[in-house]
Amino acid sequence: MKKLKETDISTHILECLDGLRIGVFWRNNNVGVFDSKKMCYRKPPAFSRKGIADILGCLKGVFVSIEVKSAIEYKWAMAFYKRVGDPYTYVPQSEKEKHVLNQIIFMLDIINHGGVAFFTYSVGDALNKLGVINNYQPTKQEKLL
């Protein structure tokens, strides 16, 4: 069986959400733009955020942020999140840690302002986590996991 890439998983999630018509969701492309004249990546515009999620949306008046990972990367990100402690003061030890830490901080900012944000690795996992909005109010940690 072929391992799905994060972009494939994102596409499947968006296709499913679009078909269900339960809210509005879109892919958030947040990659650097290469300037071929200057031969470098352009500086992000003011007020851009590091770690912004792959999929953003709104479901029943709640802002939703979904960070998609492959199954292996999801396991690593969850283990990393559990050992970080306070993500606002943690000093990353690698570029990978820095990247995921920025994603965690973005998610926590969304959660702290009333939204729902989480990592996911599949359509089923995403739908399960989105179902939480309809049933009960999860804790901040539950929303992120």
C-alpha atoms as a PDB file:
ATOM      1  CA  MET A   1       0.000   0.000   0.000  1.00  0.00           C
ATOM      2  CA  LYS A   2       1.323   3.437  -0.998  1.00  0.00           C
ATOM      3  CA  LYS A   3       2.128   5.887   1.808  1.00  0.00           C
ATOM      4  CA  LEU A   4       0.096   9.044   1.412  1.00  0.00           C
ATOM      5  CA  LYS A   5       1.861  12.398   1.359  1.00  0.00           C
ATOM      6  CA  GLU A   6       0.578  15.211   3.528  1.00  0.00           C
ATOM      7  CA  THR A   7      -0.724  17.043   0.443  1.00  0.00           C
ATOM      8  CA  ASP A   8      -2.692  13.927  -0.588  1.00  0.00           C
ATOM      9  CA  ILE A   9      -4.181  13.607   2.901  1.00  0.00           C
ATOM     10  CA  SER A  10      -5.104  17.322   2.876  1.00  0.00           C
ATOM     11  CA  THR A  11      -6.811  16.907  -0.488  1.00  0.00           C
ATOM     12  CA  HIS A  12      -8.809  13.883   0.736  1.00  0.00           C
ATOM     13  CA  ILE A  13      -9.885  15.750   3.884  1.00  0.00           C
ATOM     14  CA  LEU A  14     -10.975  18.801   1.877  1.00  0.00           C
ATOM     15  CA  GLU A  15     -12.863  16.649  -0.655  1.00  0.00           C
ATOM     16  CA  CYS A  16     -14.697  14.908   2.177  1.00  0.00           C
ATOM     17  CA  LEU A  17     -15.526  18.150   4.014  1.00  0.00           C
ATOM     18  CA  ASP A  18     -16.712  19.743   0.771  1.00  0.00           C
ATOM     19  CA  GLY A  19     -18.955  16.752   0.101  1.00  0.00           C
ATOM     20  CA  LEU A  20     -20.424  16.815   3.610  1.00  0.00           C
ATOM     21  CA  ARG A  21     -21.200  20.553   3.348  1.00  0.00           C
ATOM     22  CA  ILE A  22     -20.928  21.001   7.121  1.00  0.00           C
ATOM     23  CA  GLY A  23     -18.930  24.221   6.991  1.00  0.00           C
ATOM     24  CA  VAL A  24     -16.467  26.123   4.852  1.00  0.00           C
ATOM     25  CA  PHE A  25     -12.873  24.882   4.582  1.00  0.00           C
ATOM     26  CA  TRP A  26      -9.915  25.741   2.388  1.00  0.00           C
ATOM     27  CA  ARG A  27      -6.282  24.807   1.863  1.00  0.00           C
ATOM     28  CA  ASN A  28      -3.961  27.414   3.266  1.00  0.00           C
ATOM     29  CA  ASN A  29      -0.832  27.550   1.135  1.00  0.00           C
ATOM     30  CA  ASN A  30       1.864  29.122   3.265  1.00  0.00           C
ATOM     31  CA  VAL A  31       5.071  28.407   1.399  1.00  0.00           C
ATOM     32  CA  GLY A  32       7.851  30.827   0.633  1.00  0.00           C
ATOM     33  CA  VAL A  33       7.840  32.574  -2.726  1.00  0.00           C
ATOM     34  CA  PHE A  34      11.107  32.431  -4.633  1.00  0.00           C
ATOM     35  CA  ASP A  35      12.169  35.680  -6.330  1.00  0.00           C
ATOM     36  CA  SER A  36      14.119  34.624  -9.437  1.00  0.00           C
ATOM     37  CA  LYS A  37      15.470  38.151 -10.007  1.00  0.00           C
ATOM     38  CA  LYS A  38      16.976  38.416  -6.516  1.00  0.00           C
ATOM     39  CA  MET A  39      17.678  34.657  -6.326  1.00  0.00           C
ATOM     40  CA  CYS A  40      16.204  34.362  -2.831  1.00  0.00           C
ATOM     41  CA  TYR A  41      12.907  33.792  -1.037  1.00  0.00           C
ATOM     42  CA  ARG A  42      10.812  36.892  -0.440  1.00  0.00           C
ATOM     43  CA  LYS A  43      10.376  38.133   3.092  1.00  0.00           C
ATOM     44  CA  PRO A  44       6.878  37.335   4.398  1.00  0.00           C
ATOM     45  CA  PRO A  45       4.520  40.329   4.552  1.00  0.00           C
ATOM     46  CA  ALA A  46       3.793  42.072   7.839  1.00  0.00           C
ATOM     47  CA  PHE A  47       1.524  40.153  10.219  1.00  0.00           C
ATOM     48  CA  SER A  48       2.104  36.806   8.527  1.00  0.00           C
ATOM     49  CA  ARG A  49       2.301  33.875  10.931  1.00  0.00           C
ATOM     50  CA  LYS A  50       4.764  31.028  11.200  1.00  0.00           C
ATOM     51  CA  GLY A  51       3.217  27.625  11.745  1.00  0.00           C
ATOM     52  CA  ILE A  52      -0.155  28.422  10.203  1.00  0.00           C
ATOM     53  CA  ALA A  53      -2.146  25.247   9.522  1.00  0.00           C
ATOM     54  CA  ASP A  54      -2.651  23.417   6.215  1.00  0.00           C
ATOM     55  CA  ILE A  55      -6.446  23.606   6.336  1.00  0.00           C
ATOM     56  CA  LEU A  56      -8.499  26.461   7.773  1.00  0.00           C
ATOM     57  CA  GLY A  57     -12.237  26.796   8.027  1.00  0.00           C
ATOM     58  CA  CYS A  58     -15.364  27.554   9.966  1.00  0.00           C
ATOM     59  CA  LEU A  59     -17.818  25.009  11.341  1.00  0.00           C
ATOM     60  CA  LYS A  60     -20.971  26.145  13.153  1.00  0.00           C
ATOM     61  CA  GLY A  61     -19.431  29.527  13.949  1.00  0.00           C
ATOM     62  CA  VAL A  62     -16.186  28.044  15.254  1.00  0.00           C
ATOM     63  CA  PHE A  63     -12.857  28.783  13.556  1.00  0.00           C
ATOM     64  CA  VAL A  64     -11.058  25.518  12.718  1.00  0.00           C
ATOM     65  CA  SER A  65      -7.344  24.985  12.089  1.00  0.00           C
ATOM     66  CA  ILE A  66      -6.168  21.558  10.886  1.00  0.00           C
ATOM     67  CA  GLU A  67      -2.475  20.694  10.609  1.00  0.00           C
ATOM     68  CA  VAL A  68      -2.057  17.604   8.429  1.00  0.00           C
ATOM     69  CA  LYS A  69       0.813  15.164   9.009  1.00  0.00           C
ATOM     70  CA  SER A  70       1.734  11.790   7.611  1.00  0.00           C
ATOM     71  CA  ALA A  71       1.147   8.975  10.123  1.00  0.00           C
ATOM     72  CA  ILE A  72       4.846   8.864  11.047  1.00  0.00           C
ATOM     73  CA  GLU A  73       5.152  12.642  11.386  1.00  0.00           C
ATOM     74  CA  TYR A  74       1.925  12.732  13.416  1.00  0.00           C
ATOM     75  CA  LYS A  75       3.380  10.296  15.965  1.00  0.00           C
ATOM     76  CA  TRP A  76       6.595  12.334  16.154  1.00  0.00           C
ATOM     77  CA  ALA A  77       4.693  15.634  16.557  1.00  0.00           C
ATOM     78  CA  MET A  78       2.520  14.200  19.351  1.00  0.00           C
ATOM     79  CA  ALA A  79       5.544  12.852  21.227  1.00  0.00           C
ATOM     80  CA  PHE A  80       7.322  16.181  20.773  1.00  0.00           C
ATOM     81  CA  TYR A  81       4.286  18.140  22.015  1.00  0.00           C
ATOM     82  CA  LYS A  82       4.048  15.986  25.133  1.00  0.00           C
ATOM     83  CA  ARG A  83       7.704  16.546  26.077  1.00  0.00           C
ATOM     84  CA  VAL A  84       7.945  20.262  25.257  1.00  0.00           C
ATOM     85  CA  GLY A  85       6.309  21.606  28.394  1.00  0.00           C
ATOM     86  CA  ASP A  86       5.698  25.318  27.789  1.00  0.00           C
ATOM     87  CA  PRO A  87       5.946  25.819  24.010  1.00  0.00           C
ATOM     88  CA  TYR A  88       6.322  29.590  24.423  1.00  0.00           C
ATOM     89  CA  THR A  89       9.622  29.174  26.296  1.00  0.00           C
ATOM     90  CA  TYR A  90      10.959  25.929  24.806  1.00  0.00           C
ATOM     91  CA  VAL A  91      14.192  26.310  22.814  1.00  0.00           C
ATOM     92  CA  PRO A  92      14.080  24.057  19.729  1.00  0.00           C
ATOM     93  CA  GLN A  93      17.070  21.791  19.107  1.00  0.00           C
ATOM     94  CA  SER A  94      16.604  21.415  15.334  1.00  0.00           C
ATOM     95  CA  GLU A  95      14.843  22.994  12.352  1.00  0.00           C
ATOM     96  CA  LYS A  96      12.217  20.230  12.531  1.00  0.00           C
ATOM     97  CA  GLU A  97      11.501  21.045  16.183  1.00  0.00           C
ATOM     98  CA  LYS A  98      11.355  24.756  15.363  1.00  0.00           C
ATOM     99  CA  HIS A  99       8.847  24.129  12.569  1.00  0.00           C
ATOM    100  CA  VAL A 100       6.545  21.932  14.666  1.00  0.00           C
ATOM    101  CA  LEU A 101       6.889  24.261  17.657  1.00  0.00           C
ATOM    102  CA  ASN A 102       5.634  27.141  15.485  1.00  0.00           C
ATOM    103  CA  GLN A 103       2.678  24.961  14.470  1.00  0.00           C
ATOM    104  CA  ILE A 104       1.901  24.142  18.119  1.00  0.00           C
ATOM    105  CA  ILE A 105       2.092  27.817  19.108  1.00  0.00           C
ATOM    106  CA  PHE A 106      -0.239  28.772  16.249  1.00  0.00           C
ATOM    107  CA  MET A 107      -2.727  26.092  17.344  1.00  0.00           C
ATOM    108  CA  LEU A 108      -2.592  27.170  20.977  1.00  0.00           C
ATOM    109  CA  ASP A 109      -3.230  30.787  19.961  1.00  0.00           C
ATOM    110  CA  ILE A 110      -6.322  29.669  17.997  1.00  0.00           C
ATOM    111  CA  ILE A 111      -7.543  27.533  20.910  1.00  0.00           C
ATOM    112  CA  ASN A 112      -6.941  30.308  23.455  1.00  0.00           C
ATOM    113  CA  HIS A 113      -9.193  32.568  21.371  1.00  0.00           C
ATOM    114  CA  GLY A 114     -12.109  30.118  21.142  1.00  0.00           C
ATOM    115  CA  GLY A 115     -11.234  28.159  18.005  1.00  0.00           C
ATOM    116  CA  VAL A 116     -10.472  24.501  17.485  1.00  0.00           C
ATOM    117  CA  ALA A 117      -7.048  23.398  16.273  1.00  0.00           C
ATOM    118  CA  PHE A 118      -5.486  19.980  15.953  1.00  0.00           C
ATOM    119  CA  PHE A 119      -2.990  17.740  14.187  1.00  0.00           C
ATOM    120  CA  THR A 120      -4.433  14.954  12.060  1.00  0.00           C
ATOM    121  CA  TYR A 121      -3.146  12.140   9.869  1.00  0.00           C
ATOM    122  CA  SER A 122      -6.288  10.919   8.055  1.00  0.00           C
ATOM    123  CA  VAL A 123      -9.792  11.796   6.920  1.00  0.00           C
ATOM    124  CA  GLY A 124     -11.316   9.615   9.644  1.00  0.00           C
ATOM    125  CA  ASP A 125      -9.218  11.198  12.376  1.00  0.00           C
ATOM    126  CA  ALA A 126     -10.101  14.711  11.173  1.00  0.00           C
ATOM    127  CA  LEU A 127     -13.826  13.942  11.039  1.00  0.00           C
ATOM    128  CA  ASN A 128     -13.680  12.377  14.502  1.00  0.00           C
ATOM    129  CA  LYS A 129     -11.990  15.468  15.910  1.00  0.00           C
ATOM    130  CA  LEU A 130     -14.416  17.811  14.162  1.00  0.00           C
ATOM    131  CA  GLY A 131     -17.289  15.848  15.699  1.00  0.00           C
ATOM    132  CA  VAL A 132     -16.054  17.043  19.081  1.00  0.00           C
ATOM    133  CA  ILE A 133     -17.457  20.486  18.283  1.00  0.00           C
ATOM    134  CA  ASN A 134     -20.995  19.100  18.173  1.00  0.00           C
ATOM    135  CA  ASN A 135     -20.863  16.955  21.320  1.00  0.00           C
ATOM    136  CA  TYR A 136     -18.972  18.715  24.113  1.00  0.00           C
ATOM    137  CA  GLN A 137     -16.424  21.367  24.902  1.00  0.00           C
ATOM    138  CA  PRO A 138     -13.000  19.689  25.039  1.00  0.00           C
ATOM    139  CA  THR A 139     -10.143  20.950  27.152  1.00  0.00           C
ATOM    140  CA  LYS A 140      -7.415  22.996  25.448  1.00  0.00           C
ATOM    141  CA  GLN A 141      -5.094  19.985  25.427  1.00  0.00           C
ATOM    142  CA  GLU A 142      -7.775  17.721  23.916  1.00  0.00           C
ATOM    143  CA  LYS A 143      -8.366  20.219  21.100  1.00  0.00           C
ATOM    144  CA  LEU A 144      -4.685  20.193  20.159  1.00  0.00           C
ATOM    145  CA  LEU A 145      -4.343  16.416  20.285  1.00  0.00           C
END
